[in-house]
N, C-alpha and C. Protein backbone atom coordinates (compact mmCIF):
# COMPACT_ATOMS: atom_id res chain seq x y z
N MET A 1 0.94 -0.95 0.00
CA MET A 1 0.04 0.15 0.08
C MET A 1 0.81 1.56 0.21
N THR A 2 0.46 1.85 -1.04
CA THR A 2 0.86 3.24 -0.97
C THR A 2 0.93 4.65 -0.30
N ASP A 3 1.99 5.26 0.44
CA ASP A 3 1.23 6.41 1.29
C ASP A 3 1.55 7.56 0.50
N THR A 4 0.07 8.40 0.65
CA THR A 4 0.32 9.33 -0.30
C THR A 4 -0.02 10.06 0.37
N PHE A 5 0.25 11.59 0.44
CA PHE A 5 0.06 12.74 1.24
C PHE A 5 -0.68 13.95 0.25
N SER A 6 -1.61 14.36 1.00
CA SER A 6 -2.38 15.62 0.67
C SER A 6 -1.39 16.87 0.16
N PRO A 7 -1.60 17.97 -0.57
CA PRO A 7 -0.79 18.83 -0.43
C PRO A 7 -0.60 20.04 0.67
N SER A 8 -2.08 19.82 1.03
CA SER A 8 -1.84 20.64 2.21
C SER A 8 -0.75 19.75 3.68
N LEU A 9 -1.03 18.79 3.81
CA LEU A 9 0.15 18.17 4.40
C LEU A 9 1.46 18.32 4.55
N LEU A 10 1.98 18.00 3.08
CA LEU A 10 3.25 18.64 2.93
C LEU A 10 3.13 19.68 3.25
N ARG A 11 2.61 21.05 2.82
CA ARG A 11 2.51 22.75 3.21
C ARG A 11 3.05 22.50 4.20
N SER A 12 2.61 21.77 5.39
CA SER A 12 2.29 21.74 6.89
C SER A 12 3.72 21.17 7.24
N ARG A 13 4.48 19.97 6.92
CA ARG A 13 5.55 19.45 6.94
C ARG A 13 6.44 20.51 6.59
N ARG A 14 6.70 21.23 5.38
CA ARG A 14 7.43 22.19 5.11
C ARG A 14 7.75 23.05 6.25
N LEU A 15 6.72 23.66 6.47
CA LEU A 15 6.85 24.61 7.69
C LEU A 15 7.05 24.39 9.12
N ARG A 16 6.57 23.16 8.93
CA ARG A 16 7.38 23.13 10.64
C ARG A 16 9.19 22.98 10.30
N THR A 17 9.19 22.35 9.61
CA THR A 17 10.73 22.04 9.13
C THR A 17 11.49 23.30 9.28
N GLY A 18 10.86 24.56 8.21
CA GLY A 18 11.77 25.91 8.05
C GLY A 18 11.79 26.23 9.55
N LEU A 19 10.64 25.93 10.26
CA LEU A 19 10.53 26.50 12.09
C LEU A 19 11.78 26.14 12.83
N VAL A 20 11.79 24.95 12.62
CA VAL A 20 12.72 24.33 13.36
C VAL A 20 14.46 24.41 12.73
N LEU A 21 14.66 24.78 11.88
CA LEU A 21 15.71 25.17 11.36
C LEU A 21 15.77 26.63 11.81
N ALA A 22 15.27 27.50 11.31
CA ALA A 22 15.62 29.05 11.50
C ALA A 22 15.52 28.76 13.45
N THR A 23 14.73 28.25 13.93
CA THR A 23 14.99 28.27 15.92
C THR A 23 16.71 27.60 16.08
N GLY A 24 17.38 26.50 14.85
CA GLY A 24 18.23 26.22 15.62
C GLY A 24 19.74 27.48 14.94
N THR A 25 19.14 28.23 13.93
CA THR A 25 20.06 28.69 13.50
C THR A 25 20.27 30.03 14.27
N LEU A 26 19.22 30.37 14.86
CA LEU A 26 18.99 31.47 15.82
C LEU A 26 19.99 31.00 17.48
N ALA A 27 19.84 29.67 17.46
CA ALA A 27 20.37 29.24 18.52
C ALA A 27 21.63 29.40 18.39
N LEU A 28 22.31 29.40 17.56
CA LEU A 28 23.75 28.26 17.22
C LEU A 28 24.54 30.01 17.41
N ALA A 29 23.68 30.97 16.26
CA ALA A 29 24.17 32.39 16.78
C ALA A 29 24.34 32.87 17.93
N ALA A 30 23.32 32.55 18.66
CA ALA A 30 22.96 33.17 19.94
C ALA A 30 24.45 32.40 20.83
N LEU A 31 24.62 31.44 20.67
CA LEU A 31 25.80 30.54 21.38
C LEU A 31 27.16 31.07 21.21
N THR A 32 27.40 31.63 19.51
CA THR A 32 28.12 31.96 19.09
C THR A 32 28.68 33.18 19.72
N GLY A 33 27.29 34.04 19.86
CA GLY A 33 28.28 35.38 20.75
C GLY A 33 28.71 35.60 21.89
N CYS A 34 28.10 34.66 22.29
CA CYS A 34 28.36 34.38 24.05
C CYS A 34 29.77 33.60 24.07
N SER A 35 31.02 34.18 23.93
CA SER A 35 32.37 33.80 23.62
C SER A 35 32.19 33.71 25.69
N PRO A 36 33.73 32.65 26.37
CA PRO A 36 33.90 32.77 27.14
C PRO A 36 34.34 34.13 27.82
N ALA A 37 34.56 34.17 29.42
CA ALA A 37 35.09 35.41 29.97
C ALA A 37 36.35 35.54 29.77
N ALA A 38 36.52 36.52 28.89
CA ALA A 38 38.27 36.72 28.74
C ALA A 38 39.34 36.59 30.27
N THR A 39 40.60 35.84 29.90
CA THR A 39 41.26 35.40 30.33
C THR A 39 42.06 36.84 31.07
N PRO A 40 42.27 36.73 32.03
CA PRO A 40 43.30 38.19 32.65
C PRO A 40 44.87 38.16 32.39
N SER A 41 44.72 39.04 31.52
CA SER A 41 46.10 39.27 31.03
C SER A 41 47.28 39.15 32.19
N ALA A 42 48.57 38.36 31.61
CA ALA A 42 49.81 38.41 32.97
C ALA A 42 50.11 39.20 32.85
N SER A 43 50.21 40.45 31.84
CA SER A 43 51.53 41.91 31.95
C SER A 43 51.02 42.38 33.19
N GLY A 44 49.88 42.49 34.27
CA GLY A 44 50.04 43.21 35.39
C GLY A 44 50.81 42.81 36.22
N SER A 45 50.77 41.05 36.04
CA SER A 45 51.71 40.65 37.35
C SER A 45 53.19 40.71 36.98
N SER A 46 53.27 40.46 35.49
CA SER A 46 54.65 40.55 35.18
C SER A 46 55.12 42.14 35.16
N THR A 47 54.11 43.30 35.31
CA THR A 47 54.75 44.40 35.70
C THR A 47 55.48 44.34 36.64
N ALA A 48 54.59 44.17 37.59
CA ALA A 48 54.75 44.47 38.99
C ALA A 48 55.88 43.55 39.76
N SER A 49 55.69 42.79 38.81
CA SER A 49 57.80 41.36 39.38
C SER A 49 58.44 42.29 39.11
N ALA A 50 58.46 42.43 37.42
CA ALA A 50 59.65 43.59 37.17
C ALA A 50 59.74 44.62 38.04
N SER A 51 58.99 45.06 38.42
CA SER A 51 59.00 46.65 38.54
C SER A 51 60.11 46.34 40.65
N ALA A 52 59.47 45.03 41.16
CA ALA A 52 59.71 44.70 42.24
C ALA A 52 61.53 44.33 42.51
N SER A 53 61.32 43.85 41.14
CA SER A 53 62.71 43.35 40.98
C SER A 53 64.00 44.89 40.85
N ALA A 54 63.52 45.57 39.96
CA ALA A 54 64.52 46.85 39.89
C ALA A 54 64.32 47.87 40.92
N ALA A 55 63.74 47.70 42.32
CA ALA A 55 63.76 47.96 43.39
C ALA A 55 65.43 47.99 43.61
N PRO A 56 66.21 48.99 44.18
CA PRO A 56 67.16 48.48 45.07
C PRO A 56 67.12 47.88 46.43
N SER A 57 67.80 46.84 46.75
CA SER A 57 67.45 45.87 47.78
C SER A 57 68.62 46.90 48.67
N ALA A 58 67.85 46.21 49.80
CA ALA A 58 68.75 46.98 51.26
C ALA A 58 70.04 46.46 51.11
N THR A 59 71.06 47.14 51.65
CA THR A 59 72.58 46.69 51.78
C THR A 59 72.98 47.16 53.04
N ALA A 60 73.33 46.61 53.75
CA ALA A 60 73.78 46.60 55.25
C ALA A 60 75.07 47.17 55.18
N THR A 61 74.83 48.16 56.24
CA THR A 61 76.05 49.08 56.37
C THR A 61 77.40 48.45 56.75
N PRO A 62 78.46 48.86 56.11
CA PRO A 62 79.85 48.04 56.79
C PRO A 62 80.32 48.72 57.78
N THR A 63 80.88 47.81 58.71
CA THR A 63 81.26 48.28 59.95
C THR A 63 82.66 49.24 60.20
N PRO A 64 82.77 50.11 60.84
CA PRO A 64 83.89 51.12 60.68
C PRO A 64 84.99 50.51 61.12
N THR A 65 85.83 50.25 60.88
CA THR A 65 87.49 49.46 61.11
C THR A 65 87.90 50.30 62.14
N PRO A 66 88.08 49.75 63.18
CA PRO A 66 88.63 50.45 64.42
C PRO A 66 89.87 51.11 64.19
N THR A 67 90.50 52.21 64.40
CA THR A 67 91.75 52.73 63.96
C THR A 67 92.34 52.98 65.40
N PRO A 68 93.60 53.25 65.02
CA PRO A 68 94.71 53.81 67.01
C PRO A 68 94.11 55.03 66.87
N ALA A 69 94.20 55.38 68.65
CA ALA A 69 93.71 56.88 68.71
C ALA A 69 93.89 56.60 70.01
N GLY A 70 94.04 58.07 70.62
CA GLY A 70 94.46 58.54 72.10
C GLY A 70 93.09 59.63 72.53
N ALA A 71 92.84 59.12 73.94
CA ALA A 71 91.94 60.38 74.65
C ALA A 71 92.83 61.21 75.47
N SER A 72 92.89 62.30 75.88
CA SER A 72 93.19 63.15 76.75
C SER A 72 93.48 63.14 77.99
N VAL A 73 94.91 62.81 78.51
CA VAL A 73 95.60 62.41 79.98
C VAL A 73 94.75 63.80 81.09
N PRO A 74 94.45 63.50 81.90
CA PRO A 74 93.56 63.90 82.64
C PRO A 74 94.55 64.67 83.92
N LEU A 75 96.33 64.86 83.38
CA LEU A 75 97.08 64.85 84.33
C LEU A 75 97.86 66.20 84.19
N THR A 76 98.39 67.43 84.73
CA THR A 76 99.31 67.93 84.68
C THR A 76 100.97 67.38 84.98
N CYS A 77 102.10 67.50 84.27
CA CYS A 77 103.21 67.32 84.56
C CYS A 77 103.44 67.13 85.85
N ASP A 78 103.25 68.57 86.61
CA ASP A 78 103.56 68.48 88.12
C ASP A 78 102.54 67.28 88.71
N GLU A 79 101.52 66.88 88.37
CA GLU A 79 100.95 65.73 88.85
C GLU A 79 101.11 64.28 88.84
N LEU A 80 101.88 64.41 87.42
CA LEU A 80 102.31 63.05 87.00
C LEU A 80 103.64 62.67 87.84
N LEU A 81 104.19 64.13 88.45
CA LEU A 81 105.64 64.04 88.99
C LEU A 81 105.50 65.04 90.00
N THR A 82 105.32 64.73 91.27
CA THR A 82 105.21 65.96 92.02
C THR A 82 106.80 66.23 92.36
N PRO A 83 106.74 67.71 92.85
CA PRO A 83 108.19 68.28 92.93
C PRO A 83 108.57 67.09 94.15
N ASP A 84 108.17 66.82 95.29
CA ASP A 84 108.77 65.92 96.46
C ASP A 84 109.14 64.39 95.26
N ASP A 85 108.10 64.29 94.11
CA ASP A 85 108.50 63.01 93.50
C ASP A 85 110.18 62.98 93.10
N VAL A 86 110.43 64.28 92.07
CA VAL A 86 111.44 64.81 91.70
C VAL A 86 112.84 64.74 92.83
N TYR A 87 112.63 65.51 93.85
CA TYR A 87 113.41 65.63 94.93
C TYR A 87 113.83 64.28 95.54
N ALA A 88 112.96 63.66 95.63
CA ALA A 88 113.84 62.39 96.35
C ALA A 88 114.45 61.51 95.13
N PHE A 89 114.05 61.48 94.24
CA PHE A 89 114.67 61.16 93.14
C PHE A 89 116.36 61.70 92.97
N ASN A 90 116.44 62.74 93.01
CA ASN A 90 117.75 63.86 92.79
C ASN A 90 117.61 65.19 93.20
N PRO A 91 117.82 65.59 94.35
CA PRO A 91 117.40 67.24 94.39
C PRO A 91 117.93 67.83 93.24
N ASN A 92 118.77 67.39 92.43
CA ASN A 92 119.74 68.16 91.55
C ASN A 92 118.31 68.84 90.40
N TYR A 93 117.74 67.59 90.09
CA TYR A 93 116.80 67.88 89.27
C TYR A 93 115.52 68.81 89.43
N GLY A 94 115.09 69.88 88.18
CA GLY A 94 113.95 70.27 88.32
C GLY A 94 112.92 70.42 86.71
N THR A 95 112.05 71.02 87.03
CA THR A 95 111.36 71.03 85.68
C THR A 95 112.45 71.88 84.37
N ALA A 96 112.20 70.80 83.07
CA ALA A 96 112.62 71.85 82.46
C ALA A 96 111.90 72.89 81.97
N PRO A 97 112.69 74.29 81.77
CA PRO A 97 111.97 75.60 81.27
C PRO A 97 111.66 75.45 79.41
N ASP A 98 110.58 75.37 79.16
CA ASP A 98 110.67 75.62 77.71
C ASP A 98 111.28 74.31 76.75
N PHE A 99 110.54 73.13 77.73
CA PHE A 99 110.94 71.94 77.61
C PHE A 99 110.20 71.12 76.02
N THR A 100 110.79 70.80 74.84
CA THR A 100 110.45 70.32 73.76
C THR A 100 110.82 69.31 73.88
N ALA A 101 109.70 68.26 73.40
CA ALA A 101 110.17 66.53 73.36
C ALA A 101 110.74 66.47 71.95
N THR A 102 111.80 65.43 72.25
CA THR A 102 112.90 65.08 71.00
C THR A 102 112.63 63.55 71.19
N SER A 103 112.16 62.91 71.95
CA SER A 103 112.11 61.11 72.05
C SER A 103 111.30 60.52 71.04
N ALA A 104 111.23 59.62 70.38
CA ALA A 104 110.29 59.20 69.71
C ALA A 104 108.99 58.83 70.11
N THR A 105 109.12 58.12 71.27
CA THR A 105 107.98 58.06 72.41
C THR A 105 107.47 59.07 72.84
N ALA A 106 107.82 60.31 73.29
CA ALA A 106 107.31 61.18 73.53
C ALA A 106 106.54 61.95 72.47
N LYS A 107 106.97 61.92 71.59
CA LYS A 107 106.08 62.27 69.98
C LYS A 107 104.94 61.78 69.98
N THR A 108 105.18 60.16 70.54
CA THR A 108 104.41 59.41 70.02
C THR A 108 103.14 59.58 70.50
N ALA A 109 103.22 59.94 71.99
CA ALA A 109 102.52 60.03 73.03
C ALA A 109 101.81 61.45 72.85
N LEU A 110 102.44 62.40 72.37
CA LEU A 110 101.99 63.91 71.95
C LEU A 110 101.19 63.84 70.67
N SER A 111 100.77 63.03 69.78
CA SER A 111 100.44 63.37 68.16
C SER A 111 98.86 62.49 69.05
N TYR A 112 99.04 61.44 69.90
CA TYR A 112 97.64 60.90 69.99
C TYR A 112 96.85 61.36 71.56
N GLN A 113 97.20 62.69 71.80
CA GLN A 113 97.04 63.73 72.67
C GLN A 113 97.38 63.34 74.28
N GLY A 114 98.43 62.87 74.19
CA GLY A 114 99.26 62.48 75.29
C GLY A 114 99.94 63.74 76.01
N LEU A 115 100.55 63.22 77.08
CA LEU A 115 101.10 64.49 77.67
C LEU A 115 102.39 63.99 77.90
N ALA A 116 103.87 65.24 77.58
CA ALA A 116 105.02 65.12 77.74
C ALA A 116 105.92 66.18 78.68
N CYS A 117 106.50 65.92 79.27
CA CYS A 117 107.61 66.35 80.29
C CYS A 117 108.86 66.52 80.26
N GLY A 118 109.62 67.45 81.11
CA GLY A 118 110.73 67.04 80.73
C GLY A 118 111.50 67.75 82.05
N LEU A 119 112.26 67.11 82.83
CA LEU A 119 113.26 67.14 84.28
C LEU A 119 114.51 67.52 83.76
N LEU A 120 115.20 68.80 84.10
CA LEU A 120 116.94 69.35 83.64
C LEU A 120 117.50 68.98 85.00
N ASN A 121 118.54 68.31 84.94
CA ASN A 121 119.72 68.28 85.39
C ASN A 121 120.27 69.45 85.90
N GLN A 122 120.49 70.41 86.52
CA GLN A 122 120.73 71.55 86.52
C GLN A 122 122.22 72.04 86.61
N THR A 123 122.85 70.74 86.66
CA THR A 123 124.41 71.14 86.75
C THR A 123 125.14 70.41 85.19
N SER A 124 124.59 69.08 85.10
CA SER A 124 125.05 68.85 83.60
C SER A 124 124.26 68.95 82.78
N GLY A 125 122.70 69.60 83.09
CA GLY A 125 121.98 69.87 81.58
C GLY A 125 121.39 69.04 80.97
N GLU A 126 121.79 67.15 81.69
CA GLU A 126 120.70 66.25 80.64
C GLU A 126 119.47 66.81 81.12
N ILE A 127 118.64 66.11 80.15
CA ILE A 127 117.34 66.03 80.27
C ILE A 127 116.63 64.42 80.31
N ILE A 128 115.60 64.59 81.48
CA ILE A 128 114.92 63.22 80.48
C ILE A 128 113.53 63.47 80.77
N GLU A 129 113.18 62.49 79.72
CA GLU A 129 111.99 63.16 79.19
C GLU A 129 110.56 61.41 79.42
N ILE A 130 109.73 62.66 80.19
CA ILE A 130 108.74 61.45 80.33
C ILE A 130 107.16 61.87 79.42
N SER A 131 106.88 60.71 79.56
CA SER A 131 105.43 60.50 78.23
C SER A 131 104.54 60.02 78.69
N VAL A 132 103.30 60.15 79.08
CA VAL A 132 101.63 59.57 79.04
C VAL A 132 101.05 59.70 77.69
N ALA A 133 100.21 58.71 77.66
CA ALA A 133 99.15 58.40 76.59
C ALA A 133 98.15 57.64 77.07
N LEU A 134 97.16 57.93 76.50
CA LEU A 134 95.66 57.10 77.13
C LEU A 134 95.53 56.69 76.00
N PRO A 135 95.75 55.06 75.49
CA PRO A 135 95.55 54.91 74.01
C PRO A 135 94.22 53.89 73.71
N ASN A 136 93.58 54.00 72.92
CA ASN A 136 92.19 53.23 72.54
C ASN A 136 92.79 51.96 72.61
N PRO A 137 92.46 50.32 72.11
CA PRO A 137 92.73 48.93 72.35
C PRO A 137 93.50 48.78 71.01
N VAL A 138 93.18 49.30 70.10
CA VAL A 138 93.78 49.19 68.73
C VAL A 138 95.46 49.81 68.84
N LEU A 139 95.15 51.22 69.72
CA LEU A 139 96.68 51.81 69.60
C LEU A 139 97.91 51.25 70.61
N MET A 140 96.82 50.64 71.52
CA MET A 140 97.68 49.98 73.30
C MET A 140 98.32 49.18 72.15
N THR A 141 97.63 48.10 71.56
CA THR A 141 97.94 46.62 71.31
C THR A 141 99.10 46.89 70.02
N SER A 142 99.01 47.97 68.98
CA SER A 142 99.96 48.35 68.39
C SER A 142 101.39 48.91 69.25
N LEU A 143 101.29 49.71 70.24
CA LEU A 143 102.54 50.09 70.97
C LEU A 143 102.93 48.86 71.97
N THR A 144 102.21 47.93 72.16
CA THR A 144 102.55 46.86 73.13
C THR A 144 103.55 45.96 72.28
N ASP A 145 103.24 45.64 71.16
CA ASP A 145 103.59 44.65 70.06
C ASP A 145 105.13 45.06 69.57
N LYS A 146 105.22 46.73 69.47
CA LYS A 146 106.54 47.38 69.33
C LYS A 146 107.45 47.19 70.37
N ALA A 147 106.90 47.37 71.44
CA ALA A 147 107.88 47.50 72.30
C ALA A 147 108.46 45.91 72.62
N ILE A 148 107.24 44.96 72.80
CA ILE A 148 107.93 43.58 72.65
C ILE A 148 109.10 43.48 71.71
N ALA A 149 108.73 43.56 70.24
CA ALA A 149 109.87 43.35 69.29
C ALA A 149 111.13 44.07 69.53
N THR A 150 110.97 45.33 70.14
CA THR A 150 112.52 46.17 70.23
C THR A 150 113.10 46.38 71.37
N SER A 151 112.16 45.78 72.75
CA SER A 151 112.53 45.97 73.91
C SER A 151 112.95 45.16 74.93
N ASN A 152 113.38 44.67 76.18
CA ASN A 152 113.46 43.61 76.89
C ASN A 152 112.72 43.88 77.55
N PRO A 153 112.57 42.63 78.56
CA PRO A 153 110.72 42.92 79.42
C PRO A 153 111.53 43.26 80.71
N VAL A 154 111.15 43.84 81.57
CA VAL A 154 111.41 44.25 82.93
C VAL A 154 110.08 43.97 84.05
N PRO A 155 110.46 43.27 84.56
CA PRO A 155 109.41 42.52 85.56
C PRO A 155 109.05 43.36 86.54
N THR A 156 110.35 44.32 87.17
CA THR A 156 110.34 44.94 88.50
C THR A 156 109.13 46.20 88.24
N TYR A 157 109.10 46.77 86.95
CA TYR A 157 108.45 47.61 87.08
C TYR A 157 107.10 47.61 87.26
N GLY A 158 106.65 46.90 87.54
CA GLY A 158 105.46 46.56 88.21
C GLY A 158 104.45 45.07 87.97
N ALA A 159 103.66 44.82 88.65
CA ALA A 159 102.71 43.20 88.43
C ALA A 159 101.60 43.38 87.64
N ALA A 160 101.89 42.01 87.04
CA ALA A 160 100.10 41.98 85.86
C ALA A 160 98.82 42.81 86.56
N PRO A 161 98.47 43.38 85.61
CA PRO A 161 98.63 43.92 84.38
C PRO A 161 99.63 44.88 83.94
N VAL A 162 100.40 45.25 84.95
CA VAL A 162 101.52 46.26 84.29
C VAL A 162 102.69 45.55 83.73
N SER A 163 103.04 45.73 82.59
CA SER A 163 104.42 44.95 81.97
C SER A 163 105.27 46.39 81.69
N GLY A 164 106.47 45.97 81.73
CA GLY A 164 107.55 46.96 81.56
C GLY A 164 108.50 46.35 80.62
N PHE A 165 109.35 47.46 80.18
CA PHE A 165 110.33 47.32 78.82
C PHE A 165 111.22 48.38 79.07
N PHE A 166 112.75 47.72 78.61
CA PHE A 166 113.78 48.59 78.33
C PHE A 166 114.53 48.29 77.52
N THR A 167 114.88 49.48 76.72
CA THR A 167 116.22 49.30 76.04
C THR A 167 117.33 50.51 75.77
N THR A 168 118.05 50.14 75.00
CA THR A 168 118.97 51.81 74.68
C THR A 168 119.44 51.83 73.31
N LYS A 169 119.46 53.05 72.52
CA LYS A 169 119.14 53.13 71.66
C LYS A 169 120.29 54.66 71.48
N GLY A 170 121.42 54.02 71.14
CA GLY A 170 122.58 55.59 70.54
C GLY A 170 122.33 56.29 72.27
N GLY A 171 122.94 55.29 72.84
CA GLY A 171 123.45 56.04 74.26
C GLY A 171 122.17 56.67 75.30
N ILE A 172 120.76 56.49 74.66
CA ILE A 172 119.72 57.01 75.24
C ILE A 172 118.85 55.81 76.11
N GLY A 173 118.75 55.55 77.05
CA GLY A 173 118.23 54.87 77.95
C GLY A 173 116.15 54.85 77.66
N GLU A 174 115.72 53.92 77.06
CA GLU A 174 114.01 54.35 76.98
C GLU A 174 113.27 53.41 77.62
N ALA A 175 112.91 53.13 78.92
CA ALA A 175 111.71 52.73 79.94
C ALA A 175 110.49 52.93 79.50
N GLN A 176 109.57 51.80 79.50
CA GLN A 176 108.24 51.77 79.27
C GLN A 176 107.47 51.05 79.82
N VAL A 177 105.74 51.86 80.03
CA VAL A 177 105.28 50.73 80.86
C VAL A 177 103.83 50.79 80.22
N PHE A 178 103.18 49.45 80.35
CA PHE A 178 102.17 49.90 80.01
C PHE A 178 100.66 48.82 81.18
N THR A 179 99.92 50.07 81.35
CA THR A 179 98.90 49.68 82.74
C THR A 179 97.89 49.02 82.04
N ALA A 180 96.95 48.56 82.56
CA ALA A 180 95.75 48.73 81.89
C ALA A 180 94.85 49.87 80.75
N LYS A 181 95.07 50.78 81.08
CA LYS A 181 94.93 52.16 80.79
C LYS A 181 95.91 52.77 80.24
N TYR A 182 97.48 52.96 81.09
CA TYR A 182 97.89 53.94 80.20
C TYR A 182 99.52 53.74 79.53
N TRP A 183 99.94 53.88 78.52
CA TRP A 183 101.37 53.88 78.20
C TRP A 183 102.28 54.87 78.81
N VAL A 184 102.99 54.35 79.50
CA VAL A 184 103.98 55.64 80.07
C VAL A 184 105.55 55.12 79.74
N THR A 185 105.86 56.21 79.45
CA THR A 185 107.91 56.25 78.88
C THR A 185 108.77 57.47 79.78
N PHE A 186 109.60 56.44 79.94
CA PHE A 186 111.11 57.64 80.41
C PHE A 186 111.91 57.49 79.38
N SER A 187 112.65 58.63 79.01
CA SER A 187 114.00 58.65 78.07
C SER A 187 114.90 59.45 78.58
N SER A 188 116.19 58.80 78.70
CA SER A 188 117.34 59.87 79.32
C SER A 188 118.71 59.22 78.83
N PRO A 189 119.68 60.33 78.70
CA PRO A 189 121.03 59.10 78.64
C PRO A 189 121.57 59.05 80.00
N VAL A 190 120.69 59.06 81.23
CA VAL A 190 121.39 58.89 82.54
C VAL A 190 120.59 58.00 82.86
N PHE A 191 119.81 57.15 81.99
CA PHE A 191 119.39 55.89 82.30
C PHE A 191 120.39 54.15 81.43
N GLY A 192 121.30 53.78 81.92
CA GLY A 192 121.75 53.24 81.45
C GLY A 192 121.50 51.31 81.79
N GLU A 193 120.54 51.61 82.42
CA GLU A 193 119.83 50.10 82.96
C GLU A 193 118.53 50.22 83.28
N PRO A 194 117.90 49.26 82.92
CA PRO A 194 116.46 49.15 83.95
C PRO A 194 116.26 49.79 84.94
N GLY A 195 116.86 49.58 86.07
CA GLY A 195 117.14 50.04 87.65
C GLY A 195 117.00 51.55 88.01
N ASP A 196 117.59 52.05 86.65
CA ASP A 196 117.99 53.61 87.02
C ASP A 196 116.54 54.52 86.59
N ALA A 197 115.32 53.85 86.16
CA ALA A 197 114.38 54.97 85.79
C ALA A 197 113.01 54.45 86.53
N GLU A 198 113.35 53.42 87.71
CA GLU A 198 112.35 52.94 88.18
C GLU A 198 111.87 53.64 89.64
N GLN A 199 112.72 54.27 90.31
CA GLN A 199 111.99 55.63 91.07
C GLN A 199 111.38 56.07 90.73
N LEU A 200 111.59 56.77 89.31
CA LEU A 200 110.62 57.56 88.59
C LEU A 200 109.41 57.22 88.34
N MET A 201 109.69 55.98 87.52
CA MET A 201 108.70 54.84 87.07
C MET A 201 107.43 54.95 88.16
N SER A 202 108.20 54.21 89.20
CA SER A 202 107.17 53.67 90.49
C SER A 202 105.94 54.83 90.65
N ALA A 203 107.25 55.95 90.74
CA ALA A 203 105.79 57.61 91.31
C ALA A 203 105.26 57.81 90.39
N ALA A 204 105.39 57.73 89.03
CA ALA A 204 104.67 58.73 88.16
C ALA A 204 103.36 57.41 87.85
N LEU A 205 103.50 55.81 87.91
CA LEU A 205 102.46 55.32 87.74
C LEU A 205 101.38 54.99 89.07
N SER A 206 101.88 55.52 90.50
CA SER A 206 101.53 55.60 91.82
C SER A 206 100.08 56.70 91.50
N HIS A 207 100.31 57.76 90.52
CA HIS A 207 99.56 58.99 90.01
C HIS A 207 98.34 58.83 89.01
N LEU A 208 98.43 57.50 88.57
CA LEU A 208 97.79 57.11 87.35
C LEU A 208 97.44 55.75 88.28
N GLN A 209 96.63 55.84 89.24
CA GLN A 209 95.56 54.60 89.63
C GLN A 209 94.50 55.06 89.35
């Protein structure tokens, strides 16, 4: 049996088919127009990262290297060795007028705010040069190392922490003592051996306590 379709039935089916196709086309167009949300660009984070990298990093402040230095000595020459101290050593000695330091030790002490004094033998004209410095640890170590290398130890100048040294150079006797704070020196042609300076050294140290 052969199916037959009336003209009106065919038109009805064609109309429905057209509507379905039109509806599908519109739906596809709508879906095509709805694109996914835009992915955030990485340029923002990259720029921030680059800016952070370009910013200068904090650097540690270098620690200053300690240097040799001295402080002012809180004594005068008459306080370091009183007239009684000098008289007890030798009545023929007194303060040297217009004294100018000539020994290397006294000049060094003066260069570090130290004190330099002179005693004059009023008969022979010989001078005893005395100096005191108040060095910082760096300078104290340097001076002590030099004394160890160029002089002989003298234990009779004082007990620890006092350390004493003596040497002769060109007929000039040079005595040095290092206390916990001070560097004391005596220099003169009248000092032929360590014991010659011991009385004056002891008197000076007693005023530096």
